[in-house]
C-alpha cells in the first residue's frame, strides 16, 4: 500500500479474515519437526519479525492479538 500511496484507495478489507497454517503429510513427522525447529530459530533470532515487517508492513495493526504473543 505504501508503494502506491495516493494512487489507489482501499475502502475496506480486501477479503475476510483467514486462518492459515503450514501442513505436512501425516507420514512425514521428521519434516514437520525440522520445519518447527527452523521456525523457532528464525523467531528466536528476530529474523522472522524482520521478514514480517518487510513483506507485510502494518500487519501488526490488523492482528495485534497474534503479534502480542511471544513467538
Protein backbone atom coordinates (compact mmCIF):
# COMPACT_ATOMS: atom_id res chain seq x y z
CA UNK A 1 0.00 0.00 0.00
CA UNK A 2 2.83 2.40 0.78
CA UNK A 3 4.36 1.72 -2.62
CA UNK A 4 1.33 3.21 -4.38
CA UNK A 5 0.34 5.80 -1.80
CA UNK A 6 -2.04 8.32 -3.32
CA UNK A 7 -2.64 6.17 -6.39
CA UNK A 8 -5.13 3.62 -5.02
CA UNK A 9 -7.69 3.67 -2.27
CA UNK A 10 -8.99 0.64 -0.39
CA UNK A 11 -12.33 1.26 1.28
CA UNK A 12 -12.44 -1.87 3.38
CA UNK A 13 -10.91 -5.27 3.89
CA UNK A 14 -9.86 -6.91 0.63
CA UNK A 15 -11.00 -10.30 1.95
CA UNK A 16 -12.42 -11.84 5.07
CA UNK A 17 -10.01 -12.86 7.80
CA UNK A 18 -8.47 -16.23 7.01
CA UNK A 19 -6.80 -18.78 9.23
CA UNK A 20 -3.73 -20.23 7.52
CA UNK A 21 -1.28 -22.90 8.57
CA UNK A 22 1.63 -24.93 7.35
CA UNK A 23 0.67 -28.52 6.54
CA UNK A 24 2.74 -31.66 6.26
CA UNK A 25 1.90 -35.21 5.21
CA UNK A 26 1.00 -37.43 8.16
CA UNK A 27 3.80 -39.80 7.20
CA UNK A 28 6.46 -37.04 7.40
CA UNK A 29 6.86 -36.18 11.11
CA UNK A 30 10.60 -35.60 10.63
CA UNK A 31 9.89 -32.93 8.03
CA UNK A 32 7.41 -31.22 10.36
CA UNK A 33 9.88 -31.37 13.24
CA UNK A 34 12.66 -29.85 11.12
CA UNK A 35 10.35 -27.08 9.96
CA UNK A 36 9.31 -26.34 13.55
CA UNK A 37 12.97 -26.21 14.64
CA UNK A 38 13.79 -23.87 11.74
CA UNK A 39 10.85 -21.60 12.51
CA UNK A 40 11.79 -21.49 16.19
CA UNK A 41 15.34 -20.45 15.23
CA UNK A 42 14.01 -17.71 12.93
CA UNK A 43 11.80 -16.35 15.69
CA UNK A 44 14.49 -16.54 18.38
CA UNK A 45 16.97 -14.67 16.17
CA UNK A 46 14.48 -11.90 15.36
CA UNK A 47 14.73 -12.65 11.63
CA UNK A 48 11.08 -13.78 11.48
CA UNK A 49 9.93 -10.38 12.76
CA UNK A 50 12.15 -8.59 10.24
CA UNK A 51 10.65 -10.64 7.40
CA UNK A 52 7.11 -9.95 8.60
CA UNK A 53 7.82 -6.22 8.84
CA UNK A 54 9.48 -6.14 5.40
CA UNK A 55 6.84 -8.05 3.46
CA UNK A 56 3.70 -7.22 5.48
CA UNK A 57 4.13 -3.66 6.75
CA UNK A 58 1.28 -2.63 9.00
CA UNK A 59 0.14 -6.20 9.70
CA UNK A 60 0.70 -5.77 13.43
CA UNK A 61 -2.11 -3.20 13.47
CA UNK A 62 -4.54 -5.69 11.90
CA UNK A 63 -3.56 -8.72 14.00
CA UNK A 64 -2.35 -7.30 17.32
CA UNK A 65 -3.54 -10.36 19.23
CA UNK A 66 -1.20 -12.59 17.24
CA UNK A 67 1.85 -10.37 17.50
CA UNK A 68 1.29 -9.61 21.19
CA UNK A 69 2.28 -13.21 21.93
CA UNK A 70 5.89 -14.23 22.21
CA UNK A 71 6.87 -16.14 19.05
